[in-house]
Amino acid sequence: MKLVSFGGGGQERAGALVDGGIVDLNGKNTALPASVLGILEQGLLAEAEQTAHASHDYIPENSVRLGAPIPRPSKIICVGLNYKDHAEETGQELPQHPLLFSKATSAVIGPYDDVILPEESKEVDYEVEFAVVIGKTATKVSKVDAFDFVAGYTVANDVSGRDIQFRQGQWHQGKSYDTFMPMGPYLITRNEIA
């Protein structure tokens, strides 16, 4: 299933893409939360899919604003230097262990929203990323069980103010400006890929 968040910024509603149109999931089934995050947190993907396929009342996709599938995630954890070519182009060696960094959740915007360039950065760069969406609380999960916590996948742009990022060796500021994480538009559920 392809899940979307549609509507005005800060007022997005959960939808499912069916036959090129969007089904308003909570509008068709008030037992479902109004947000994609709520559906994931409550483990209601099966109910959302049933609602989506039972409806024949679609909102044209091009008639609404599409936000990030998860407009306000609880956290964003990224893996740095995870592409050999990127490490080489930046003159860095591949790390022996994953290089993790975070981005502020206020950086998340919809895929077609404007990125606002900060005046203090003169070297803004971006990289497309494959984003894994964790659908439920996970702590000390084994490798064997890890995929049980994956709700789905989306795409994101990791926008960075490189000069700000590297001037102190501390990445958070250069990667966390508001609007520096366009995401979506679709969250593809894990069962669509697996």
N, C-alpha and C. Protein backbone atom coordinates (compact mmCIF):
# COMPACT_ATOMS: atom_id res chain seq x y z
N MET A 1 0.84 -1.17 0.00
CA MET A 1 0.00 0.00 0.00
C MET A 1 0.90 1.24 0.00
N LYS A 2 0.43 2.26 -0.67
CA LYS A 2 1.11 3.55 -0.67
C LYS A 2 0.33 4.49 0.23
N LEU A 3 0.95 4.89 1.34
CA LEU A 3 0.33 5.84 2.26
C LEU A 3 0.86 7.23 1.97
N VAL A 4 -0.01 8.22 2.16
CA VAL A 4 0.37 9.62 1.97
C VAL A 4 -0.18 10.44 3.13
N SER A 5 0.39 11.61 3.31
CA SER A 5 -0.18 12.63 4.19
C SER A 5 -0.53 13.79 3.28
N PHE A 6 -1.80 14.20 3.31
CA PHE A 6 -2.23 15.25 2.38
C PHE A 6 -2.94 16.36 3.15
N GLY A 7 -2.90 17.55 2.58
CA GLY A 7 -3.54 18.71 3.19
C GLY A 7 -2.52 19.76 3.56
N GLY A 8 -3.01 20.82 4.16
CA GLY A 8 -2.15 21.94 4.53
C GLY A 8 -1.10 21.58 5.55
N GLY A 9 0.01 22.29 5.53
CA GLY A 9 1.10 22.04 6.47
C GLY A 9 0.62 22.11 7.91
N GLY A 10 0.91 21.08 8.69
CA GLY A 10 0.47 21.00 10.07
C GLY A 10 -0.93 20.45 10.24
N GLN A 11 -1.64 20.24 9.14
CA GLN A 11 -3.01 19.72 9.20
C GLN A 11 -3.17 18.51 8.27
N GLU A 12 -2.08 17.84 7.97
CA GLU A 12 -2.12 16.72 7.04
C GLU A 12 -2.99 15.59 7.59
N ARG A 13 -3.62 14.88 6.67
CA ARG A 13 -4.46 13.72 7.01
C ARG A 13 -3.87 12.49 6.33
N ALA A 14 -4.16 11.34 6.91
CA ALA A 14 -3.67 10.07 6.35
C ALA A 14 -4.51 9.68 5.15
N GLY A 15 -3.82 9.29 4.09
CA GLY A 15 -4.50 8.81 2.91
C GLY A 15 -3.78 7.60 2.34
N ALA A 16 -4.47 6.92 1.45
CA ALA A 16 -3.87 5.79 0.73
C ALA A 16 -4.08 6.05 -0.75
N LEU A 17 -3.05 5.79 -1.53
CA LEU A 17 -3.14 5.96 -2.98
C LEU A 17 -3.73 4.70 -3.59
N VAL A 18 -4.87 4.86 -4.25
CA VAL A 18 -5.56 3.74 -4.89
C VAL A 18 -6.01 4.21 -6.27
N ASP A 19 -5.62 3.48 -7.31
CA ASP A 19 -6.03 3.79 -8.68
C ASP A 19 -5.79 5.26 -9.04
N GLY A 20 -4.66 5.80 -8.60
CA GLY A 20 -4.30 7.17 -8.97
C GLY A 20 -4.99 8.25 -8.16
N GLY A 21 -5.82 7.86 -7.20
CA GLY A 21 -6.49 8.83 -6.33
C GLY A 21 -6.19 8.54 -4.88
N ILE A 22 -6.55 9.47 -4.02
CA ILE A 22 -6.28 9.34 -2.59
C ILE A 22 -7.58 9.04 -1.86
N VAL A 23 -7.54 8.02 -1.01
CA VAL A 23 -8.65 7.73 -0.11
C VAL A 23 -8.31 8.37 1.24
N ASP A 24 -9.22 9.21 1.75
CA ASP A 24 -9.06 9.82 3.07
C ASP A 24 -9.41 8.74 4.09
N LEU A 25 -8.40 8.13 4.70
CA LEU A 25 -8.62 6.95 5.53
C LEU A 25 -9.50 7.22 6.74
N ASN A 26 -9.22 8.27 7.49
CA ASN A 26 -10.04 8.60 8.65
C ASN A 26 -11.42 9.11 8.23
N GLY A 27 -11.49 9.75 7.08
CA GLY A 27 -12.77 10.22 6.56
C GLY A 27 -13.69 9.06 6.19
N LYS A 28 -13.13 7.94 5.80
CA LYS A 28 -13.91 6.75 5.44
C LYS A 28 -14.10 5.79 6.60
N ASN A 29 -13.21 5.87 7.60
CA ASN A 29 -13.27 4.96 8.75
C ASN A 29 -12.79 5.72 9.98
N THR A 30 -13.72 6.25 10.75
CA THR A 30 -13.35 7.09 11.90
C THR A 30 -12.65 6.31 13.01
N ALA A 31 -12.62 4.98 12.92
CA ALA A 31 -11.86 4.19 13.89
C ALA A 31 -10.36 4.29 13.63
N LEU A 32 -9.99 4.76 12.44
CA LEU A 32 -8.58 4.94 12.11
C LEU A 32 -8.11 6.32 12.55
N PRO A 33 -6.88 6.41 13.05
CA PRO A 33 -6.32 7.73 13.37
C PRO A 33 -6.25 8.61 12.11
N ALA A 34 -6.22 9.90 12.32
CA ALA A 34 -6.18 10.83 11.19
C ALA A 34 -4.79 11.00 10.60
N SER A 35 -3.76 10.43 11.25
CA SER A 35 -2.39 10.57 10.74
C SER A 35 -1.79 9.21 10.39
N VAL A 36 -0.87 9.22 9.45
CA VAL A 36 -0.15 7.99 9.10
C VAL A 36 0.62 7.49 10.31
N LEU A 37 1.25 8.39 11.05
CA LEU A 37 1.99 7.99 12.25
C LEU A 37 1.07 7.28 13.24
N GLY A 38 -0.13 7.81 13.45
CA GLY A 38 -1.08 7.17 14.36
C GLY A 38 -1.47 5.78 13.91
N ILE A 39 -1.67 5.60 12.61
CA ILE A 39 -1.99 4.27 12.06
C ILE A 39 -0.86 3.30 12.34
N LEU A 40 0.38 3.74 12.11
CA LEU A 40 1.54 2.88 12.35
C LEU A 40 1.68 2.55 13.83
N GLU A 41 1.61 3.58 14.67
CA GLU A 41 1.81 3.37 16.11
C GLU A 41 0.76 2.44 16.71
N GLN A 42 -0.44 2.48 16.18
CA GLN A 42 -1.51 1.63 16.72
C GLN A 42 -1.61 0.28 16.00
N GLY A 43 -0.71 0.03 15.07
CA GLY A 43 -0.70 -1.25 14.38
C GLY A 43 -1.93 -1.50 13.53
N LEU A 44 -2.41 -0.46 12.85
CA LEU A 44 -3.66 -0.56 12.10
C LEU A 44 -3.47 -0.55 10.58
N LEU A 45 -2.33 -1.03 10.11
CA LEU A 45 -2.09 -1.06 8.66
C LEU A 45 -3.10 -1.93 7.93
N ALA A 46 -3.43 -3.08 8.48
CA ALA A 46 -4.38 -3.99 7.81
C ALA A 46 -5.75 -3.31 7.69
N GLU A 47 -6.19 -2.64 8.74
CA GLU A 47 -7.48 -1.94 8.70
C GLU A 47 -7.43 -0.79 7.70
N ALA A 48 -6.31 -0.09 7.65
CA ALA A 48 -6.16 1.00 6.69
C ALA A 48 -6.24 0.47 5.26
N GLU A 49 -5.59 -0.66 5.01
CA GLU A 49 -5.62 -1.24 3.67
C GLU A 49 -7.03 -1.69 3.29
N GLN A 50 -7.75 -2.29 4.22
CA GLN A 50 -9.14 -2.70 3.96
C GLN A 50 -10.00 -1.49 3.63
N THR A 51 -9.84 -0.42 4.41
CA THR A 51 -10.59 0.81 4.18
C THR A 51 -10.27 1.39 2.80
N ALA A 52 -9.00 1.41 2.46
CA ALA A 52 -8.58 1.97 1.17
C ALA A 52 -9.20 1.23 0.01
N HIS A 53 -9.20 -0.09 0.07
CA HIS A 53 -9.69 -0.87 -1.06
C HIS A 53 -11.21 -1.01 -1.08
N ALA A 54 -11.88 -0.70 0.03
CA ALA A 54 -13.34 -0.75 0.07
C ALA A 54 -13.96 0.53 -0.47
N SER A 55 -13.18 1.59 -0.53
CA SER A 55 -13.70 2.89 -0.96
C SER A 55 -13.53 3.07 -2.47
N HIS A 56 -14.50 3.76 -3.05
CA HIS A 56 -14.39 4.13 -4.47
C HIS A 56 -14.54 5.64 -4.61
N ASP A 57 -14.34 6.33 -3.50
CA ASP A 57 -14.43 7.78 -3.46
C ASP A 57 -13.02 8.33 -3.31
N TYR A 58 -12.44 8.78 -4.41
CA TYR A 58 -11.05 9.21 -4.43
C TYR A 58 -10.93 10.72 -4.58
N ILE A 59 -9.91 11.25 -3.95
CA ILE A 59 -9.54 12.65 -4.14
C ILE A 59 -8.43 12.65 -5.19
N PRO A 60 -8.57 13.43 -6.27
CA PRO A 60 -7.49 13.45 -7.26
C PRO A 60 -6.15 13.84 -6.62
N GLU A 61 -5.13 13.05 -6.87
CA GLU A 61 -3.82 13.28 -6.25
C GLU A 61 -3.28 14.67 -6.55
N ASN A 62 -3.52 15.15 -7.75
CA ASN A 62 -2.96 16.46 -8.13
C ASN A 62 -3.79 17.64 -7.64
N SER A 63 -4.85 17.37 -6.85
CA SER A 63 -5.70 18.46 -6.37
C SER A 63 -5.39 18.86 -4.92
N VAL A 64 -4.45 18.17 -4.29
CA VAL A 64 -4.13 18.45 -2.89
C VAL A 64 -2.62 18.55 -2.69
N ARG A 65 -2.23 19.22 -1.63
CA ARG A 65 -0.81 19.26 -1.26
C ARG A 65 -0.45 17.93 -0.62
N LEU A 66 0.65 17.34 -1.07
CA LEU A 66 1.18 16.12 -0.44
C LEU A 66 2.32 16.52 0.48
N GLY A 67 2.18 16.16 1.74
CA GLY A 67 3.24 16.42 2.71
C GLY A 67 4.16 15.23 2.82
N ALA A 68 5.08 15.30 3.75
CA ALA A 68 5.91 14.13 4.05
C ALA A 68 4.99 13.05 4.59
N PRO A 69 5.24 11.77 4.29
CA PRO A 69 4.36 10.72 4.79
C PRO A 69 4.24 10.73 6.32
N ILE A 70 5.34 11.05 6.99
CA ILE A 70 5.35 11.22 8.45
C ILE A 70 5.81 12.66 8.70
N PRO A 71 4.87 13.62 8.73
CA PRO A 71 5.27 15.03 8.82
C PRO A 71 6.01 15.40 10.11
N ARG A 72 5.73 14.70 11.19
CA ARG A 72 6.36 15.02 12.47
C ARG A 72 6.89 13.74 13.13
N PRO A 73 7.97 13.17 12.60
CA PRO A 73 8.51 11.94 13.19
C PRO A 73 9.08 12.21 14.58
N SER A 74 9.16 11.17 15.39
CA SER A 74 9.71 11.35 16.74
C SER A 74 11.21 11.58 16.68
N LYS A 75 11.88 11.00 15.72
CA LYS A 75 13.32 11.23 15.55
C LYS A 75 13.74 10.87 14.13
N ILE A 76 14.87 11.42 13.73
CA ILE A 76 15.46 11.11 12.43
C ILE A 76 16.90 10.71 12.68
N ILE A 77 17.21 9.46 12.42
CA ILE A 77 18.57 8.95 12.56
C ILE A 77 19.08 8.62 11.16
N CYS A 78 20.24 9.13 10.82
CA CYS A 78 20.80 8.95 9.48
C CYS A 78 22.15 8.23 9.58
N VAL A 79 22.53 7.61 8.48
CA VAL A 79 23.83 6.95 8.39
C VAL A 79 24.69 7.75 7.42
N GLY A 80 25.82 8.23 7.90
CA GLY A 80 26.72 9.02 7.07
C GLY A 80 27.75 8.15 6.37
N LEU A 81 28.21 8.64 5.24
CA LEU A 81 29.24 7.95 4.45
C LEU A 81 28.88 6.50 4.19
N ASN A 82 27.63 6.27 3.83
CA ASN A 82 27.19 4.90 3.57
C ASN A 82 27.30 4.52 2.09
N TYR A 83 27.82 5.42 1.28
CA TYR A 83 28.08 5.12 -0.13
C TYR A 83 29.59 5.26 -0.37
N LYS A 84 30.19 4.24 -0.93
CA LYS A 84 31.63 4.27 -1.18
C LYS A 84 32.01 5.45 -2.06
N ASP A 85 31.25 5.69 -3.13
CA ASP A 85 31.56 6.80 -4.04
C ASP A 85 31.52 8.15 -3.33
N HIS A 86 30.54 8.31 -2.44
CA HIS A 86 30.43 9.59 -1.72
C HIS A 86 31.61 9.78 -0.77
N ALA A 87 32.01 8.72 -0.10
CA ALA A 87 33.18 8.81 0.79
C ALA A 87 34.41 9.22 -0.01
N GLU A 88 34.59 8.60 -1.19
CA GLU A 88 35.75 8.92 -2.02
C GLU A 88 35.71 10.36 -2.52
N GLU A 89 34.52 10.84 -2.94
CA GLU A 89 34.43 12.20 -3.47
C GLU A 89 34.67 13.25 -2.39
N THR A 90 34.42 12.90 -1.14
CA THR A 90 34.68 13.84 -0.05
C THR A 90 36.06 13.65 0.57
N GLY A 91 36.83 12.68 0.04
CA GLY A 91 38.18 12.44 0.54
C GLY A 91 38.22 11.77 1.90
N GLN A 92 37.16 11.05 2.23
CA GLN A 92 37.11 10.38 3.52
C GLN A 92 37.11 8.87 3.33
N GLU A 93 37.61 8.17 4.31
CA GLU A 93 37.60 6.71 4.26
C GLU A 93 36.26 6.21 4.77
N LEU A 94 35.86 5.04 4.26
CA LEU A 94 34.64 4.42 4.78
C LEU A 94 34.85 4.09 6.26
N PRO A 95 33.89 4.44 7.10
CA PRO A 95 34.05 4.13 8.52
C PRO A 95 33.94 2.62 8.78
N GLN A 96 34.63 2.15 9.81
CA GLN A 96 34.55 0.73 10.17
C GLN A 96 33.21 0.39 10.81
N HIS A 97 32.60 1.37 11.45
CA HIS A 97 31.30 1.20 12.09
C HIS A 97 30.37 2.27 11.53
N PRO A 98 29.07 2.04 11.55
CA PRO A 98 28.15 3.04 11.01
C PRO A 98 28.35 4.41 11.66
N LEU A 99 28.39 5.43 10.84
CA LEU A 99 28.52 6.81 11.29
C LEU A 99 27.11 7.38 11.37
N LEU A 100 26.58 7.51 12.58
CA LEU A 100 25.21 7.96 12.77
C LEU A 100 25.17 9.44 13.09
N PHE A 101 24.15 10.11 12.57
CA PHE A 101 23.89 11.50 12.94
C PHE A 101 22.38 11.70 12.92
N SER A 102 21.94 12.76 13.54
CA SER A 102 20.51 13.04 13.57
C SER A 102 20.23 14.35 12.85
N LYS A 103 18.98 14.51 12.49
CA LYS A 103 18.50 15.77 11.94
C LYS A 103 17.31 16.19 12.80
N ALA A 104 17.11 17.48 12.96
CA ALA A 104 15.96 17.97 13.71
C ALA A 104 14.68 17.60 12.96
N THR A 105 13.66 17.22 13.70
CA THR A 105 12.40 16.85 13.05
C THR A 105 11.74 18.06 12.38
N SER A 106 12.10 19.26 12.79
CA SER A 106 11.56 20.47 12.15
C SER A 106 12.11 20.66 10.74
N ALA A 107 13.10 19.86 10.35
CA ALA A 107 13.64 19.92 8.99
C ALA A 107 12.71 19.26 7.98
N VAL A 108 11.78 18.41 8.44
CA VAL A 108 10.92 17.64 7.53
C VAL A 108 9.88 18.53 6.87
N ILE A 109 9.81 18.41 5.55
CA ILE A 109 8.78 19.08 4.75
C ILE A 109 8.30 18.11 3.69
N GLY A 110 7.24 18.49 2.99
CA GLY A 110 6.73 17.66 1.91
C GLY A 110 7.66 17.67 0.71
N PRO A 111 7.45 16.73 -0.21
CA PRO A 111 8.37 16.58 -1.34
C PRO A 111 8.35 17.75 -2.33
N TYR A 112 7.27 18.52 -2.33
CA TYR A 112 7.16 19.62 -3.29
C TYR A 112 7.21 20.98 -2.59
N ASP A 113 7.47 20.98 -1.28
CA ASP A 113 7.58 22.23 -0.53
C ASP A 113 8.93 22.88 -0.81
N ASP A 114 9.01 24.17 -0.59
CA ASP A 114 10.24 24.91 -0.85
C ASP A 114 11.27 24.70 0.25
N VAL A 115 12.52 24.49 -0.15
CA VAL A 115 13.64 24.47 0.77
C VAL A 115 14.09 25.93 0.92
N ILE A 116 14.18 26.38 2.17
CA ILE A 116 14.60 27.75 2.43
C ILE A 116 16.09 27.74 2.76
N LEU A 117 16.86 28.43 1.93
CA LEU A 117 18.32 28.45 2.10
C LEU A 117 18.70 29.45 3.19
N PRO A 118 19.50 29.02 4.17
CA PRO A 118 19.92 29.94 5.22
C PRO A 118 20.96 30.93 4.69
N GLU A 119 20.85 32.17 5.13
CA GLU A 119 21.78 33.20 4.66
C GLU A 119 23.22 32.89 5.04
N GLU A 120 23.43 32.25 6.19
CA GLU A 120 24.79 32.03 6.67
C GLU A 120 25.52 30.90 5.97
N SER A 121 24.83 30.11 5.16
CA SER A 121 25.49 29.02 4.44
C SER A 121 25.62 29.37 2.96
N LYS A 122 26.81 29.22 2.44
CA LYS A 122 27.07 29.49 1.02
C LYS A 122 27.32 28.21 0.24
N GLU A 123 27.26 27.06 0.92
CA GLU A 123 27.54 25.77 0.28
C GLU A 123 26.45 24.76 0.62
N VAL A 124 25.25 25.00 0.09
CA VAL A 124 24.14 24.08 0.33
C VAL A 124 24.19 22.96 -0.69
N ASP A 125 24.04 21.76 -0.21
CA ASP A 125 24.16 20.55 -1.02
C ASP A 125 23.01 19.62 -0.63
N TYR A 126 22.72 18.65 -1.46
CA TYR A 126 21.67 17.69 -1.12
C TYR A 126 22.01 16.33 -1.71
N GLU A 127 21.46 15.31 -1.06
CA GLU A 127 21.64 13.94 -1.53
C GLU A 127 20.33 13.21 -1.36
N VAL A 128 19.92 12.48 -2.38
CA VAL A 128 18.72 11.67 -2.25
C VAL A 128 19.05 10.46 -1.38
N GLU A 129 18.12 10.10 -0.53
CA GLU A 129 18.33 8.99 0.40
C GLU A 129 17.14 8.04 0.39
N PHE A 130 17.41 6.79 0.64
CA PHE A 130 16.40 5.76 0.84
C PHE A 130 16.09 5.76 2.33
N ALA A 131 14.85 6.07 2.70
CA ALA A 131 14.50 6.21 4.11
C ALA A 131 13.70 5.00 4.58
N VAL A 132 14.11 4.44 5.69
CA VAL A 132 13.41 3.32 6.32
C VAL A 132 12.56 3.91 7.44
N VAL A 133 11.27 3.61 7.43
CA VAL A 133 10.36 4.13 8.45
C VAL A 133 10.10 3.03 9.47
N ILE A 134 10.49 3.31 10.71
CA ILE A 134 10.26 2.37 11.81
C ILE A 134 8.84 2.63 12.32
N GLY A 135 8.05 1.57 12.43
CA GLY A 135 6.63 1.74 12.74
C GLY A 135 6.23 1.54 14.18
N LYS A 136 7.14 1.07 15.01
CA LYS A 136 6.80 0.89 16.42
C LYS A 136 8.07 1.01 17.25
N THR A 137 7.89 1.22 18.54
CA THR A 137 9.03 1.42 19.43
C THR A 137 9.96 0.21 19.38
N ALA A 138 11.25 0.50 19.26
CA ALA A 138 12.24 -0.57 19.15
C ALA A 138 13.45 -0.23 20.02
N THR A 139 13.82 -1.17 20.87
CA THR A 139 15.01 -1.01 21.71
C THR A 139 15.72 -2.35 21.77
N LYS A 140 17.02 -2.35 21.50
CA LYS A 140 17.84 -3.56 21.58
C LYS A 140 17.21 -4.72 20.79
N VAL A 141 16.92 -4.45 19.54
CA VAL A 141 16.30 -5.44 18.66
C VAL A 141 17.39 -6.28 18.00
N SER A 142 17.17 -7.57 17.92
CA SER A 142 18.15 -8.46 17.28
C SER A 142 18.08 -8.28 15.76
N LYS A 143 19.16 -8.66 15.09
CA LYS A 143 19.18 -8.60 13.63
C LYS A 143 18.06 -9.43 13.04
N VAL A 144 17.78 -10.57 13.64
CA VAL A 144 16.74 -11.48 13.15
C VAL A 144 15.37 -10.81 13.18
N ASP A 145 15.11 -10.01 14.21
CA ASP A 145 13.79 -9.40 14.39
C ASP A 145 13.68 -7.99 13.82
N ALA A 146 14.75 -7.44 13.31
CA ALA A 146 14.78 -6.02 12.92
C ALA A 146 13.68 -5.65 11.92
N PHE A 147 13.46 -6.46 10.92
CA PHE A 147 12.47 -6.09 9.90
C PHE A 147 11.04 -6.12 10.43
N ASP A 148 10.80 -6.76 11.56
CA ASP A 148 9.47 -6.74 12.17
C ASP A 148 9.09 -5.33 12.62
N PHE A 149 10.06 -4.45 12.75
CA PHE A 149 9.80 -3.09 13.22
C PHE A 149 9.74 -2.08 12.06
N VAL A 150 10.02 -2.53 10.86
CA VAL A 150 9.98 -1.65 9.69
C VAL A 150 8.55 -1.58 9.17
N ALA A 151 8.01 -0.36 9.12
CA ALA A 151 6.67 -0.16 8.58
C ALA A 151 6.70 -0.03 7.07
N GLY A 152 7.74 0.63 6.57
CA GLY A 152 7.82 0.85 5.14
C GLY A 152 9.01 1.72 4.77
N TYR A 153 8.92 2.25 3.55
CA TYR A 153 10.06 2.97 2.98
C TYR A 153 9.56 4.21 2.25
N THR A 154 10.42 5.20 2.18
CA THR A 154 10.13 6.39 1.41
C THR A 154 11.45 6.96 0.90
N VAL A 155 11.40 8.06 0.21
CA VAL A 155 12.61 8.74 -0.23
C VAL A 155 12.70 10.08 0.48
N ALA A 156 13.91 10.55 0.64
CA ALA A 156 14.13 11.83 1.30
C ALA A 156 15.33 12.51 0.67
N ASN A 157 15.38 13.80 0.80
CA ASN A 157 16.57 14.56 0.42
C ASN A 157 17.24 15.03 1.70
N ASP A 158 18.50 14.66 1.87
CA ASP A 158 19.30 15.11 3.00
C ASP A 158 20.00 16.39 2.54
N VAL A 159 19.41 17.53 2.90
CA VAL A 159 19.98 18.82 2.52
C VAL A 159 20.96 19.25 3.62
N SER A 160 22.09 19.78 3.21
CA SER A 160 23.14 20.16 4.15
C SER A 160 23.75 21.50 3.80
N GLY A 161 24.02 22.29 4.81
CA GLY A 161 24.86 23.47 4.67
C GLY A 161 26.28 23.00 4.94
N ARG A 162 27.00 22.60 3.90
CA ARG A 162 28.30 21.94 4.09
C ARG A 162 29.30 22.81 4.84
N ASP A 163 29.34 24.10 4.53
CA ASP A 163 30.30 24.96 5.23
C ASP A 163 29.99 25.03 6.73
N ILE A 164 28.72 25.05 7.08
CA ILE A 164 28.32 25.07 8.49
C ILE A 164 28.61 23.70 9.12
N GLN A 165 28.30 22.65 8.39
CA GLN A 165 28.50 21.29 8.88
C GLN A 165 29.96 21.01 9.24
N PHE A 166 30.88 21.44 8.39
CA PHE A 166 32.28 21.06 8.57
C PHE A 166 33.13 22.09 9.34
N ARG A 167 32.61 23.28 9.56
CA ARG A 167 33.45 24.28 10.23
C ARG A 167 33.76 23.92 11.67
N GLN A 168 32.88 23.14 12.32
CA GLN A 168 33.13 22.74 13.70
C GLN A 168 33.28 21.23 13.85
N GLY A 169 33.05 20.50 12.77
CA GLY A 169 33.09 19.04 12.86
C GLY A 169 31.85 18.48 13.52
N GLN A 170 30.85 19.32 13.72
CA GLN A 170 29.60 18.92 14.34
C GLN A 170 28.51 19.07 13.29
N TRP A 171 27.87 17.99 12.90
CA TRP A 171 27.00 18.00 11.74
C TRP A 171 25.61 18.55 11.97
N HIS A 172 25.11 18.50 13.18
CA HIS A 172 23.70 18.76 13.43
C HIS A 172 23.23 20.11 12.89
N GLN A 173 23.95 21.17 13.18
CA GLN A 173 23.51 22.49 12.74
C GLN A 173 23.42 22.58 11.21
N GLY A 174 24.43 22.10 10.53
CA GLY A 174 24.46 22.20 9.07
C GLY A 174 23.43 21.34 8.37
N LYS A 175 22.87 20.35 9.06
CA LYS A 175 21.91 19.44 8.45
C LYS A 175 20.48 19.63 8.97
N SER A 176 20.29 20.51 9.96
CA SER A 176 18.99 20.57 10.63
C SER A 176 18.22 21.87 10.46
N TYR A 177 18.61 22.70 9.51
CA TYR A 177 17.80 23.89 9.28
C TYR A 177 16.38 23.47 8.92
N ASP A 178 15.41 24.30 9.32
CA ASP A 178 14.03 24.03 8.91
C ASP A 178 14.01 23.89 7.39
N THR A 179 13.28 22.94 6.91
CA THR A 179 13.08 22.60 5.48
C THR A 179 14.22 21.79 4.88
N PHE A 180 15.18 21.33 5.66
CA PHE A 180 16.33 20.60 5.10
C PHE A 180 16.11 19.09 5.00
N MET A 181 14.84 18.63 5.00
CA MET A 181 14.57 17.20 4.84
C MET A 181 13.27 16.98 4.07
N PRO A 182 13.23 17.36 2.77
CA PRO A 182 12.05 17.02 1.98
C PRO A 182 11.90 15.50 1.94
N MET A 183 10.65 15.04 2.06
CA MET A 183 10.44 13.59 2.17
C MET A 183 9.14 13.21 1.45
N GLY A 184 9.18 12.02 0.83
CA GLY A 184 7.96 11.47 0.24
C GLY A 184 7.91 11.65 -1.26
N PRO A 185 6.71 11.56 -1.82
CA PRO A 185 5.43 11.69 -1.15
C PRO A 185 4.84 10.40 -0.57
N TYR A 186 5.35 9.25 -0.96
CA TYR A 186 4.70 8.00 -0.56
C TYR A 186 5.50 7.26 0.50
N LEU A 187 4.79 6.61 1.40
CA LEU A 187 5.37 5.61 2.28
C LEU A 187 4.90 4.28 1.71
N ILE A 188 5.81 3.50 1.17
CA ILE A 188 5.48 2.19 0.61
C ILE A 188 5.58 1.17 1.74
N THR A 189 4.48 0.51 2.04
CA THR A 189 4.50 -0.44 3.16
C THR A 189 5.41 -1.61 2.84
N ARG A 190 5.97 -2.17 3.89
CA ARG A 190 6.98 -3.23 3.75
C ARG A 190 6.46 -4.41 2.94
N ASN A 191 5.20 -4.75 3.09
CA ASN A 191 4.66 -5.92 2.37
C ASN A 191 4.64 -5.71 0.86
N GLU A 192 4.73 -4.47 0.40
CA GLU A 192 4.77 -4.20 -1.04
C GLU A 192 6.15 -4.50 -1.62
N ILE A 193 7.17 -4.49 -0.77
CA ILE A 193 8.55 -4.69 -1.21
C ILE A 193 9.01 -6.12 -0.96
N ALA A 194 8.68 -6.64 0.21
CA ALA A 194 9.20 -7.93 0.66
C ALA A 194 8.78 -9.10 -0.19
